[in-house]
Protein backbone atom coordinates (compact mmCIF):
# COMPACT_ATOMS: atom_id res chain seq x y z
CA MET A 1 -33.66 16.98 45.77
CA PRO A 2 -33.97 20.21 42.93
CA TRP A 3 -36.12 18.26 41.10
CA THR A 4 -37.62 21.29 39.35
CA LEU A 5 -34.22 21.81 38.37
CA TYR A 6 -32.89 18.43 36.85
CA ARG A 7 -36.48 18.36 35.02
CA PHE A 8 -35.46 22.00 33.29
CA ILE A 9 -32.25 20.66 32.60
CA PHE A 10 -33.30 17.64 30.87
CA ARG A 11 -36.23 19.17 28.93
CA GLU A 12 -33.64 22.10 27.46
CA LEU A 13 -30.88 19.64 26.30
CA LEU A 14 -33.38 17.16 25.05
CA ARG A 15 -34.83 19.75 23.05
CA LEU A 16 -31.63 21.41 21.73
CA LEU A 17 -30.64 17.62 21.15
CA LEU A 18 -33.77 16.63 19.09
CA LEU A 19 -33.25 20.00 17.06
CA SER A 20 -29.82 19.94 15.98
CA ALA A 21 -30.01 15.78 15.35
CA VAL A 22 -32.74 16.67 12.64
CA VAL A 23 -31.50 19.22 11.17
CA LEU A 24 -27.78 17.82 10.80
CA VAL A 25 -29.72 14.19 9.63
CA LEU A 26 -31.64 16.04 7.63
CA LEU A 27 -28.87 17.95 5.94
CA ILE A 28 -26.09 14.79 5.66
CA SER A 29 -28.95 12.55 4.19
CA PHE A 30 -29.77 14.60 1.30
CA PHE A 31 -25.69 16.00 0.90
CA LEU A 32 -25.73 11.87 0.46
CA ALA A 33 -28.61 11.73 -2.42
CA ILE A 34 -26.82 14.35 -4.70
CA LYS A 35 -24.70 11.57 -6.44
CA PRO A 36 -27.64 8.57 -7.08
CA LEU A 37 -29.24 11.83 -7.83
CA ASN A 38 -27.21 13.30 -10.41
CA ASP A 39 -26.67 9.59 -11.85
CA GLY A 40 -30.02 9.41 -12.37
CA LEU A 41 -30.86 6.54 -9.99
CA LEU A 42 -33.64 8.00 -7.68
CA GLY A 43 -36.81 10.18 -8.64
CA PRO A 44 -39.01 11.92 -6.83
CA TRP A 45 -40.32 8.89 -4.91
CA ARG A 46 -37.20 7.13 -4.55
CA LEU A 47 -35.52 10.53 -3.09
CA ILE A 48 -37.80 10.67 -0.24
CA LYS A 49 -37.39 6.86 0.53
CA PHE A 50 -33.22 7.00 0.35
CA VAL A 51 -33.69 10.09 2.72
CA GLY A 52 -36.04 8.16 4.73
CA TYR A 53 -33.62 5.37 4.99
CA SER A 54 -30.47 7.34 5.38
CA ILE A 55 -31.98 9.17 8.60
CA PRO A 56 -30.50 6.16 11.00
CA THR A 57 -27.67 5.32 9.91
CA THR A 58 -26.97 9.02 10.06
CA LEU A 59 -27.63 9.30 13.35
CA THR A 60 -24.75 7.18 14.52
CA VAL A 61 -22.56 10.29 13.58
CA VAL A 62 -24.71 12.97 14.40
CA VAL A 63 -25.72 12.03 18.02
CA PRO A 64 -21.93 13.16 19.47
CA PHE A 65 -22.26 16.32 17.68
CA ALA A 66 -25.51 17.50 18.10
CA GLY A 67 -25.57 16.45 22.20
CA ALA A 68 -21.89 18.62 22.54
CA PHE A 69 -24.03 21.77 20.79
CA ALA A 70 -27.27 20.73 23.12
CA SER A 71 -25.00 20.81 25.91
CA THR A 72 -22.73 23.50 25.51
CA MET A 73 -25.79 26.00 24.60
CA VAL A 74 -27.40 24.91 27.67
CA PHE A 75 -25.27 25.30 30.11
CA SER A 76 -23.81 28.15 28.23
CA ARG A 77 -26.89 30.04 29.00
CA MET A 78 -27.15 28.81 32.73
CA ALA A 79 -23.68 29.82 33.87
CA SER A 80 -24.06 33.55 31.23
CA ASP A 81 -27.56 34.00 33.97
CA ASN A 82 -25.66 33.28 36.71
CA GLU A 83 -27.49 30.17 37.41
CA VAL A 84 -25.18 27.97 38.30
CA VAL A 85 -23.19 30.31 40.69
CA ALA A 86 -26.97 30.20 42.14
CA CYS A 87 -26.91 26.61 42.30
CA ALA A 88 -24.01 26.64 43.49
CA THR A 89 -24.28 29.77 46.93
CA SER A 90 -27.46 27.44 47.69
CA GLY A 91 -25.62 23.92 48.00
CA ILE A 92 -26.24 22.09 44.76
CA SER A 93 -22.90 20.75 44.11
CA TYR A 94 -21.68 20.25 39.95
CA ARG A 95 -22.07 16.55 40.57
CA SER A 96 -25.34 16.94 41.33
CA ILE A 97 -26.08 20.09 38.16
CA LEU A 98 -24.31 17.03 36.09
CA LEU A 99 -26.76 14.95 36.95
CA PRO A 100 -29.31 14.84 34.17
CA VAL A 101 -26.65 15.39 31.65
CA PHE A 102 -25.03 12.05 33.49
CA VAL A 103 -28.40 10.12 32.78
CA LEU A 104 -28.91 11.44 29.37
CA GLY A 105 -26.02 10.61 28.41
CA TRP A 106 -26.06 7.18 29.17
CA VAL A 107 -29.85 6.80 28.14
CA LEU A 108 -28.19 8.66 24.43
CA ALA A 109 -24.94 5.65 24.57
CA ILE A 110 -27.46 2.96 25.10
CA GLY A 111 -29.81 3.52 22.56
CA LEU A 112 -26.79 4.32 20.42
CA TYR A 113 -25.62 0.97 20.74
CA LEU A 114 -28.72 -0.49 20.30
CA LEU A 115 -29.67 1.50 17.31
CA ASN A 116 -25.74 0.47 15.70
CA SER A 117 -26.11 -3.11 16.38
CA TRP A 118 -30.14 -3.76 15.35
CA VAL A 119 -31.49 -1.19 13.42
CA VAL A 120 -28.90 0.60 11.48
CA PRO A 121 -27.78 -2.33 9.39
CA SER A 122 -31.10 -3.19 8.08
CA PHE A 123 -31.26 0.47 6.51
CA TYR A 124 -27.36 0.12 5.35
CA ARG A 125 -28.95 -3.20 3.15
CA GLU A 126 -31.97 -0.93 2.24
CA ILE A 127 -29.75 2.23 0.85
CA SER A 128 -27.34 -0.12 -0.93
CA LEU A 129 -30.11 -2.92 -2.66
CA MET A 130 -31.60 0.50 -3.47
CA VAL A 131 -28.81 2.35 -5.05
CA GLN A 132 -26.04 -0.26 -5.89
CA GLN A 133 -27.79 -3.23 -6.40
CA ASP A 134 -29.89 -1.59 -9.15
CA VAL A 135 -27.65 -2.00 -12.05
CA PRO A 136 -29.64 -2.18 -15.73
CA SER A 137 -31.07 1.17 -14.08
CA LEU A 138 -27.64 2.50 -13.61
CA VAL A 139 -26.26 1.07 -17.29
CA ILE A 140 -29.86 2.69 -18.69
CA SER A 141 -28.89 6.49 -17.01
CA GLN A 142 -25.06 6.42 -18.15
CA VAL A 143 -25.96 5.52 -21.89
CA GLN A 144 -28.48 8.07 -22.42
CA ARG A 145 -26.06 10.31 -20.74
CA GLY A 146 -23.55 9.51 -23.35
CA ARG A 147 -21.03 8.55 -20.47
CA PRO A 148 -18.94 5.43 -20.16
CA VAL A 149 -20.16 2.93 -17.48
CA GLN A 150 -17.63 1.43 -15.24
CA ILE A 151 -19.33 -1.88 -14.49
CA PRO A 152 -19.26 -2.90 -10.58
CA SER A 153 -16.69 -5.98 -11.52
CA ARG A 154 -13.58 -7.24 -10.39
CA GLU A 155 -12.14 -7.55 -13.59
CA GLY A 156 -12.05 -4.09 -14.89
CA TYR A 157 -14.82 -3.34 -17.56
CA VAL A 158 -15.74 0.12 -18.54
CA LEU A 159 -18.79 0.17 -21.26
CA TYR A 160 -19.52 2.74 -23.74
CA ALA A 161 -23.20 2.25 -25.82
CA ASP A 162 -24.83 4.23 -28.35
CA ASP A 163 -28.45 3.09 -27.05
CA ALA A 164 -29.70 0.91 -24.23
CA ASP A 165 -32.93 -1.02 -23.67
CA GLU A 166 -34.13 -3.08 -20.78
CA ARG A 167 -36.53 -5.51 -21.82
CA TYR A 168 -38.50 -9.00 -20.28
CA LEU A 169 -37.16 -11.81 -21.11
CA SER A 170 -40.46 -13.28 -21.80
CA ASP A 171 -40.81 -10.71 -24.74
CA LEU A 172 -37.27 -12.02 -26.40
CA GLU A 173 -38.42 -15.59 -25.97
CA ALA A 174 -41.57 -14.70 -28.27
CA GLY A 175 -40.13 -13.50 -30.90
CA ASP A 176 -37.68 -10.48 -30.30
CA GLU A 177 -34.80 -10.14 -32.59
CA SER A 178 -32.19 -11.52 -29.98
CA THR A 179 -33.93 -14.39 -29.27
CA SER A 180 -30.51 -16.61 -29.89
CA ALA A 181 -29.15 -15.23 -26.48
CA PRO A 182 -30.27 -18.06 -23.94
CA ARG A 183 -31.97 -17.98 -20.94
CA PRO A 184 -29.71 -17.87 -17.79
CA ASN A 185 -29.61 -19.94 -14.81
CA PRO A 186 -32.21 -20.60 -12.63
CA GLY A 187 -33.40 -17.49 -9.90
CA ALA A 188 -32.38 -15.19 -12.76
CA PRO A 189 -34.18 -11.67 -13.11
CA ASP A 190 -36.47 -11.68 -15.76
CA LYS A 191 -35.12 -8.76 -17.38
CA VAL A 192 -32.12 -7.75 -19.82
CA ILE A 193 -30.23 -4.82 -21.07
CA MET A 194 -30.07 -4.71 -25.12
CA LEU A 195 -27.16 -2.41 -25.93
CA ARG A 196 -26.27 -0.85 -29.03
CA GLY A 197 -22.76 0.43 -30.83
CA VAL A 198 -20.67 -1.42 -27.86
CA ALA A 199 -16.81 -0.65 -27.30
CA LEU A 200 -15.80 -2.92 -23.97
CA GLY A 201 -12.52 -2.29 -22.33
CA LEU A 202 -10.89 -4.23 -19.50
CA PHE A 203 -8.31 -2.20 -17.55
CA ASP A 204 -5.52 -3.79 -15.33
CA ASP A 205 -4.81 -2.47 -11.76
CA ALA A 206 -2.84 -0.09 -12.87
CA GLY A 207 -5.33 1.78 -15.10
CA LYS A 208 -3.90 0.41 -18.44
CA MET A 209 -6.13 -0.70 -21.49
CA ARG A 210 -5.21 -4.47 -21.64
CA ASP A 211 -7.98 -5.41 -24.59
CA LEU A 212 -10.70 -3.63 -26.14
CA PHE A 213 -13.91 -5.14 -28.10
CA THR A 214 -16.15 -3.13 -30.27
CA ALA A 215 -19.38 -4.94 -31.06
CA GLU A 216 -22.70 -4.32 -33.41
CA LYS A 217 -25.09 -4.94 -30.12
CA ALA A 218 -24.67 -6.83 -27.00
CA ASP A 219 -27.26 -8.38 -23.95
CA VAL A 220 -26.04 -8.55 -20.40
CA TYR A 221 -27.87 -10.75 -18.19
CA MET A 222 -27.38 -10.60 -14.51
CA TYR A 223 -28.11 -13.34 -12.07
CA ARG A 224 -27.62 -14.95 -8.76
CA HIS A 225 -25.83 -18.07 -8.11
CA ARG A 226 -24.61 -19.21 -4.48
CA GLY A 227 -25.54 -15.60 -2.70
CA ARG A 228 -23.05 -14.07 -5.55
CA THR A 229 -24.14 -11.65 -8.61
CA PHE A 230 -23.09 -13.06 -12.08
CA ALA A 231 -23.68 -11.13 -15.31
CA ARG A 232 -22.89 -12.69 -18.67
CA ILE A 233 -22.19 -10.00 -21.64
CA ARG A 234 -23.16 -11.43 -25.24
CA LEU A 235 -21.36 -9.55 -27.51
CA GLN A 236 -22.64 -9.83 -31.29
CA ASN A 237 -20.65 -8.86 -34.64
CA VAL A 238 -17.37 -8.75 -32.26
CA MET A 239 -14.41 -6.72 -33.74
CA PRO A 240 -11.23 -6.91 -30.92
CA TYR A 241 -8.61 -4.73 -31.24
CA ASP A 242 -4.54 -5.65 -30.90
CA PRO A 243 -2.75 -2.97 -29.06
CA ALA A 244 0.43 -5.12 -30.47
CA THR A 245 -0.64 -4.50 -33.80
CA GLY A 246 -3.24 -1.41 -33.91
CA ASN A 247 -5.67 -3.30 -35.73
CA TYR A 248 -9.50 -4.81 -35.99
CA GLY A 249 -9.65 -8.18 -36.20
CA ARG A 250 -13.81 -9.65 -36.58
CA VAL A 251 -15.17 -12.26 -35.00
CA LYS A 252 -18.73 -13.28 -35.87
CA LYS A 253 -19.90 -15.82 -34.17
CA THR A 254 -21.42 -14.46 -30.62
CA GLN A 255 -19.07 -14.10 -27.74
CA THR A 256 -19.67 -14.41 -24.28
CA LEU A 257 -17.87 -12.60 -21.02
CA PRO A 258 -18.56 -14.05 -17.54
CA LEU A 259 -18.29 -11.25 -14.73
CA HIS A 260 -18.40 -11.20 -11.32
CA VAL A 261 -20.15 -8.34 -9.54
CA PRO A 262 -19.02 -7.91 -6.13
CA ASN A 263 -21.40 -7.86 -3.27
CA PRO A 264 -21.45 -4.38 -1.09
CA ILE A 265 -23.71 -5.87 1.50
CA LYS A 266 -22.02 -9.06 1.86
CA ASP A 267 -18.52 -7.60 2.18
CA ASP A 268 -19.29 -4.95 4.57
CA LEU A 269 -19.78 -5.43 8.42
CA ARG A 270 -21.49 -2.56 8.80
CA PHE A 271 -24.89 -4.04 7.39
CA TYR A 272 -24.48 -6.96 10.14
CA THR A 273 -26.82 -7.11 12.81
CA TRP A 274 -25.48 -8.14 16.52
CA HIS A 275 -26.45 -11.36 15.75
CA GLN A 276 -25.63 -11.70 12.66
CA LEU A 277 -22.14 -11.02 13.78
CA LEU A 278 -22.56 -13.64 16.25
CA ASP A 279 -23.91 -16.06 13.65
CA LEU A 280 -20.90 -14.80 11.09
CA THR A 281 -18.22 -16.03 14.00
CA ARG A 282 -19.13 -19.54 13.66
CA HIS A 283 -20.32 -19.51 10.20
CA PRO A 284 -17.30 -17.43 8.74
CA GLU A 285 -18.03 -19.48 5.26
CA LYS A 286 -21.11 -17.08 4.63
CA HIS A 287 -19.28 -13.96 4.25
CA ASP A 288 -18.64 -13.61 0.55
CA ASP A 289 -14.80 -13.13 1.10
CA VAL A 290 -14.26 -16.38 2.58
CA ALA A 291 -17.07 -18.08 0.42
CA GLN A 292 -14.93 -16.83 -2.71
CA ARG A 293 -11.69 -18.24 -0.80
CA GLN A 294 -13.22 -21.25 -0.31
CA VAL A 295 -14.42 -21.70 -4.03
CA ARG A 296 -11.21 -21.15 -5.05
CA LEU A 297 -9.48 -23.68 -2.61
CA ALA A 298 -12.54 -26.29 -3.05
CA GLY A 299 -12.00 -26.07 -7.17
CA ARG A 300 -7.96 -26.35 -6.48
CA LEU A 301 -8.73 -29.63 -4.48
CA ALA A 302 -11.28 -31.22 -6.80
CA LYS A 303 -9.46 -29.80 -10.04
CA GLU A 304 -5.98 -31.97 -8.23
CA GLY A 305 -8.41 -34.85 -7.59
CA LEU A 306 -9.56 -35.10 -11.20
CA MET A 307 -5.75 -34.83 -12.79
CA GLN A 308 -4.42 -37.35 -10.03
CA ASP A 309 -8.00 -39.88 -10.60
CA MET A 310 -7.76 -39.52 -14.93
CA LEU A 311 -3.34 -40.11 -14.68
CA GLU A 312 -3.84 -43.00 -12.62
CA ARG A 313 -6.63 -44.37 -14.78
CA LEU A 314 -5.27 -43.86 -17.95
CA GLY A 315 -1.98 -45.16 -17.09
CA LYS A 316 -3.63 -48.72 -16.71
CA ALA A 317 -3.81 -51.06 -19.32
CA GLY A 318 -6.72 -52.60 -20.74
CA ASP A 319 -10.10 -51.68 -20.18
CA GLU A 320 -9.45 -49.84 -16.63
CA GLY A 321 -7.32 -47.62 -18.61
CA ARG A 322 -10.04 -45.44 -19.80
CA VAL A 323 -11.79 -41.97 -18.72
CA THR A 324 -15.01 -41.23 -19.44
CA LEU A 325 -16.15 -38.03 -19.96
CA LEU A 326 -19.64 -36.19 -20.09
CA SER A 327 -20.85 -33.60 -22.36
CA GLY A 328 -24.20 -31.94 -22.05
CA ALA A 329 -27.16 -34.04 -21.30
CA SER A 330 -26.25 -37.53 -23.19
CA ASP A 331 -22.99 -37.10 -24.88
CA ARG A 332 -20.22 -39.50 -23.75
CA TYR A 333 -16.37 -39.40 -24.71
CA VAL A 334 -14.36 -42.28 -23.34
CA ILE A 335 -10.82 -41.48 -23.67
CA SER A 336 -7.87 -44.71 -23.97
CA THR A 337 -4.12 -43.72 -24.32
CA PRO A 338 -1.09 -45.88 -24.69
CA THR A 339 0.87 -43.48 -22.56
CA VAL A 340 -0.01 -40.25 -20.37
CA ARG A 341 2.19 -37.81 -18.61
CA ARG A 342 1.87 -34.99 -16.03
CA THR A 343 2.52 -31.39 -17.44
CA LYS A 344 1.91 -27.85 -15.36
CA SER A 345 -1.14 -27.08 -17.63
CA GLY A 346 -2.49 -30.66 -17.46
CA LEU A 347 -2.03 -34.21 -19.16
CA LYS A 348 -0.09 -35.10 -22.62
CA LEU A 349 -1.30 -38.26 -24.14
CA ALA A 350 0.45 -39.37 -26.94
CA ALA A 351 -0.06 -42.82 -29.03
CA ASP A 352 3.46 -45.21 -30.04
CA SER A 353 3.88 -47.20 -32.99
CA SER A 354 1.11 -49.42 -32.41
CA THR A 355 -1.40 -47.93 -30.83
CA PRO A 356 -3.20 -44.32 -31.48
CA VAL A 357 -5.02 -42.04 -28.76
CA ARG A 358 -8.45 -42.90 -28.78
CA VAL A 359 -11.76 -41.26 -28.50
CA ARG A 360 -15.41 -43.17 -28.23
CA HIS A 361 -18.36 -41.03 -28.85
CA ASP A 362 -21.49 -42.20 -28.10
CA SER A 363 -24.96 -39.62 -28.18
CA GLY A 364 -28.51 -40.41 -26.30
CA GLY A 365 -26.98 -44.25 -25.87
CA LEU A 366 -25.25 -45.36 -29.10
CA TYR A 367 -22.21 -45.06 -30.70
CA THR A 368 -21.48 -42.28 -33.09
CA SER A 369 -18.21 -41.74 -33.80
CA ASP A 370 -14.77 -43.28 -33.20
CA ILE A 371 -11.64 -40.69 -32.92
CA GLU A 372 -8.13 -41.20 -33.62
CA ALA A 373 -5.34 -39.22 -32.88
CA GLN A 374 -1.20 -39.06 -32.57
CA SER A 375 -1.41 -36.79 -29.23
CA ALA A 376 -3.78 -35.26 -27.36
CA SER A 377 -3.95 -32.63 -24.49
CA ILE A 378 -6.48 -32.26 -21.71
CA ARG A 379 -6.47 -29.45 -19.57
CA VAL A 380 -8.74 -28.63 -15.97
CA ALA A 381 -10.63 -25.33 -15.23
CA VAL A 382 -12.83 -24.81 -12.69
CA ASP A 383 -16.37 -23.19 -13.27
CA GLU A 384 -17.63 -21.04 -10.28
CA GLN A 385 -20.47 -20.04 -11.75
CA SER A 386 -21.88 -23.81 -12.58
CA ASP A 387 -19.82 -25.27 -9.67
CA GLN A 388 -17.87 -27.80 -12.26
CA ILE A 389 -14.46 -29.10 -12.99
CA LEU A 390 -14.84 -28.70 -16.75
CA THR A 391 -12.03 -30.32 -18.75
CA GLU A 392 -11.31 -29.10 -22.55
CA LEU A 393 -9.79 -32.33 -24.88
CA GLU A 394 -7.62 -30.92 -27.79
CA LEU A 395 -6.53 -33.48 -30.25
CA THR A 396 -3.65 -33.36 -33.07
CA GLY A 397 -3.47 -35.23 -36.43
CA VAL A 398 -7.21 -36.41 -36.06
CA THR A 399 -8.89 -39.61 -38.04
CA VAL A 400 -12.51 -39.49 -37.36
CA LYS A 401 -14.92 -42.53 -37.85
CA ASP A 402 -18.09 -41.66 -38.15
CA MET A 403 -20.66 -44.55 -37.13
CA ARG A 404 -23.42 -42.46 -38.18
CA LEU A 405 -22.32 -42.89 -42.40
CA ASP A 406 -21.63 -45.95 -42.19
CA GLY A 407 -18.11 -45.56 -40.98
CA ARG A 408 -16.89 -42.58 -43.32
CA VAL A 409 -13.33 -41.57 -42.23
CA THR A 410 -12.41 -38.16 -42.68
CA GLN A 411 -9.29 -36.58 -41.09
CA LYS A 412 -8.61 -33.11 -39.09
CA ARG A 413 -5.07 -31.39 -38.45
CA SER A 414 -6.59 -30.79 -35.09
CA ARG A 415 -10.04 -30.71 -33.19
CA GLN A 416 -11.12 -29.21 -29.88
CA ILE A 417 -13.83 -30.45 -27.71
CA SER A 418 -14.78 -28.41 -24.39
CA ARG A 419 -16.41 -27.76 -21.65
CA LEU A 420 -16.52 -31.64 -20.29
CA ARG A 421 -17.20 -32.70 -17.13
CA GLY A 422 -16.09 -36.19 -14.90
CA VAL A 423 -18.66 -38.70 -14.64
CA GLN A 424 -19.12 -37.72 -10.55
CA ALA A 425 -19.38 -34.23 -9.21
CA ARG A 426 -16.19 -33.05 -7.51
CA LEU A 427 -16.65 -29.78 -6.75
CA LYS A 428 -20.16 -29.61 -4.79
CA PRO A 429 -19.75 -31.87 -2.15
CA LEU A 430 -16.21 -29.77 -1.42
CA LEU A 431 -18.45 -26.97 -1.35
CA ASP A 432 -20.67 -28.07 1.01
CA GLN A 433 -17.85 -28.98 3.50
CA LEU A 434 -16.47 -26.09 6.32
CA PRO A 435 -13.83 -24.07 5.75
CA GLY A 436 -12.04 -25.83 7.85
CA ALA A 437 -12.06 -29.73 6.37
CA LEU A 438 -10.78 -27.70 3.37
CA ARG A 439 -7.62 -26.67 5.09
CA GLN A 440 -7.06 -30.46 6.53
CA ARG A 441 -8.02 -31.59 3.11
CA ALA A 442 -5.09 -28.88 1.63
CA GLN A 443 -2.59 -30.49 3.84
CA GLY A 444 -2.60 -33.68 2.15
CA TYR A 445 -1.27 -31.84 -1.03
CA PRO A 446 1.75 -30.61 0.75
CA ASP A 447 3.88 -30.71 -2.80
CA GLN A 448 0.75 -28.79 -5.07
CA GLN A 449 1.98 -25.02 -4.42
CA ASP A 450 -1.43 -23.41 -5.79
CA ILE A 451 -3.64 -25.88 -3.23
CA GLN A 452 -1.26 -24.32 -0.36
CA ASP A 453 -1.62 -20.98 -1.13
CA ALA A 454 -5.36 -21.03 -1.51
CA ALA A 455 -5.17 -23.09 1.97
CA ILE A 456 -3.16 -19.70 2.91
CA ASP A 457 -4.88 -16.99 1.51
CA LEU A 458 -8.50 -18.54 3.40
CA GLU A 459 -6.45 -19.20 6.64
CA GLY A 460 -5.58 -15.48 6.01
CA ILE A 461 -8.59 -14.26 5.37
CA LEU A 462 -10.73 -16.10 7.94
CA ARG A 463 -8.03 -14.52 10.31
CA LYS A 464 -9.16 -10.61 8.85
CA LEU A 465 -12.36 -11.75 9.18
CA ARG A 466 -12.63 -12.67 12.65
CA CYS A 467 -10.50 -9.04 13.53
CA LYS A 468 -12.64 -7.43 11.90
CA ILE A 469 -15.82 -8.85 13.51
CA LEU A 470 -14.57 -7.88 16.69
CA ALA A 471 -13.17 -4.20 15.90
CA GLN A 472 -17.02 -3.76 14.38
CA VAL A 473 -18.15 -4.91 17.86
CA HIS A 474 -15.86 -2.30 20.20
CA GLU A 475 -16.28 0.29 17.58
CA ARG A 476 -20.29 0.34 17.73
CA LEU A 477 -19.36 0.65 21.54
CA ALA A 478 -16.93 3.38 21.32
CA LEU A 479 -19.01 5.45 19.62
CA ALA A 480 -21.80 4.86 22.06
CA VAL A 481 -19.38 5.55 24.87
CA ALA A 482 -18.42 8.53 22.88
CA SER A 483 -21.64 9.85 22.69
CA LEU A 484 -21.70 10.33 26.64
CA LEU A 485 -18.38 11.71 27.08
CA VAL A 486 -19.11 14.50 24.67
CA LEU A 487 -22.10 15.54 26.06
CA MET A 488 -20.68 15.72 29.68
CA LEU A 489 -17.86 17.22 28.27
CA GLY A 490 -19.97 20.20 26.71
CA ALA A 491 -21.54 20.88 29.85
CA VAL A 492 -18.20 21.12 31.81
CA LEU A 493 -16.70 23.22 29.61
CA SER A 494 -19.01 25.64 29.72
CA MET A 495 -19.36 26.41 32.84
CA LYS A 496 -15.59 26.01 33.44
CA LEU A 497 -15.23 28.90 30.44
CA GLN A 498 -18.38 31.37 31.83
CA GLY A 499 -17.87 34.27 29.71
CA THR A 500 -16.61 32.51 27.04
CA THR A 501 -18.96 32.71 23.76
CA PRO A 502 -20.78 29.16 23.06
CA LEU A 503 -19.29 29.40 19.80
CA VAL A 504 -15.65 28.70 21.09
CA VAL A 505 -16.93 26.08 24.19
CA TYR A 506 -18.52 24.59 21.43
CA PHE A 507 -15.60 24.65 18.96
CA TRP A 508 -13.40 22.55 21.74
CA SER A 509 -16.20 20.44 22.05
CA PHE A 510 -16.60 19.92 18.80
CA LEU A 511 -13.07 19.30 18.08
CA MET A 512 -12.68 16.42 20.81
CA ALA A 513 -15.82 14.73 19.72
CA SER A 514 -14.42 14.76 15.55
CA VAL A 515 -10.74 13.38 17.08
CA ALA A 516 -12.53 10.89 19.00
CA VAL A 517 -14.61 9.64 16.29
CA PHE A 518 -11.49 9.37 14.22
CA VAL A 519 -9.66 7.78 16.09
CA THR A 520 -12.06 5.10 16.89
CA ARG A 521 -12.86 4.62 12.59
CA SER A 522 -8.97 4.40 12.35
CA GLY A 523 -8.64 2.20 15.16
CA VAL A 524 -11.07 -0.31 12.71
CA ASN A 525 -8.57 -0.45 9.97
CA VAL A 526 -5.58 -1.01 12.30
CA ALA A 527 -7.80 -4.02 14.01
CA SER A 528 -8.57 -4.97 11.11
CA ASP A 529 -4.98 -4.78 9.08
CA PRO A 530 -2.92 -8.08 9.22
CA ASP A 531 0.48 -6.14 9.54
CA TYR A 532 -0.91 -5.06 12.98
CA SER A 533 -2.05 -6.93 16.22
CA LEU A 534 -5.39 -7.00 17.24
CA SER A 535 -4.70 -5.71 20.59
CA LEU A 536 -2.94 -2.47 19.17
CA GLY A 537 -6.21 -1.69 16.91
CA LEU A 538 -8.40 -2.38 19.85
CA LEU A 539 -6.31 -0.02 22.02
CA VAL A 540 -6.71 2.44 19.33
CA ILE A 541 -10.21 2.48 19.00
CA TRP A 542 -11.07 3.00 22.20
CA LEU A 543 -7.96 5.71 22.53
CA GLY A 544 -9.87 8.33 21.71
CA ASN A 545 -12.37 7.86 24.14
CA VAL A 546 -9.46 7.49 26.69
CA ALA A 547 -8.61 11.20 25.46
CA LEU A 548 -11.94 12.62 26.03
CA PHE A 549 -12.50 11.28 29.54
CA VAL A 550 -8.75 12.80 30.71
CA VAL A 551 -9.78 15.96 28.89
CA LEU A 552 -13.66 15.86 31.03
CA MET A 553 -11.91 14.59 34.25
CA GLY A 554 -9.30 17.26 33.85
CA VAL A 555 -11.62 20.04 33.26
CA TYR A 556 -14.25 19.04 36.06
CA ARG A 557 -11.50 18.76 38.43
CA GLY A 558 -10.26 22.61 37.96
CA LEU A 559 -14.03 23.32 38.21
CA ALA A 560 -14.92 21.46 41.37
CA ARG A 561 -11.56 23.16 42.86
CA ASN A 562 -13.60 27.00 42.36
């Protein structure tokens, strides 16, 4: 066996492969760092960390091209020096000459698959956490540069401010000027972004401005809840703009805008290791897209359950015909009405000739007031940030008897009581159920179109997630096999095109590698699209490798005949 030849080929291949991979990885890593560096998100130390985290992630793309370059250079030099002819003359077949390339190709393929399935996802997470989740640094950097800030949310908000500062919540609680801002939910960060001279615009999907607010100052809080990121912007001295009239109004009270910030890690399957993908097939509710649809369906089920329960109770006579709603820690509202009917937006309560709509208010266990009204409406909404079903009660033709003031009676045209909740927690038990159980519950409401739409949406995202998981596994495997085929193709082309410059040979190898990678990436999109079949998507994923294999075998057969 020609072990000396094998050691020479293997050593030269490995040397050029490492050299070209290092150069390409560093170039791509620094290129990826240009945008966050230009945005002011990366200092010197963070730049080094960013490049370090980018190295494993770029290897998955670089290895096939570096392998093609290494095999092309090694075998082009051997062919130009007539070393391949000398080996053939001495009885060494082309198959034996290519054996070190084949072995190194399998090592690269296995290593690349392991890298893609276990190592790279962790580094993707570190990069995303460093750049995309550092929202306070992004906002402050953009404001200080005088640029508008596109808030990373699904609502389409764009913010501009004259000045931005980052403070600790402990400083605010100790007597800062913004102590009126409440502390967010448990698990919140200990900092808040304080903005001055604020303009906040809301754009629709077509890029057209829907709403515009200007405010003297604003505080931005960000916190985590049920694995998702939320933000609350508290605007003070707000002036909303009316596009219809072109005039500004003025609202003195503080306004709070809730935002849902997409999770870049949980939304992208590239951030999942092989074990995490396997776990995701068993527990799809851990994916952010599925969790969002699950919350939507659970909210509509809980909302409908509360509506039906209130409708049934209020339709009964006597003490049974009452509904109790809670507010805060100690406030209780007991509602009764002679007539009730269902509307599209909720429930409509109305008095008759002898009995008004009555609401009894207890606070801290004490009977505080009795409210009578000619009519009332109950609207129910889902608050995803607190896992609660909140009810709003709006009364018209109101008479209030205050028991704390010896039964003093006052009359109002209307009164609104917001953020009421039921005695029984309805949303949280549904959120703890699996998606399949929620879909079964939805079958019990065939006449509720909003529930059926949410169930169909959940089923669709589950099916799409299963396809994306399978496509992700096949993509990683296909890219690994492509590195083997491209390495072999570079060597075979160099021997076949003896006398041609290495640049021309590498051009064809590079072209075939690019086609294979492009087709494989495109196949993932096809497999993830519900308009196409999964089988077609998997076929496209492997089509690039099939083309590489056909070209490789065609070139090798032509070489072997000579």
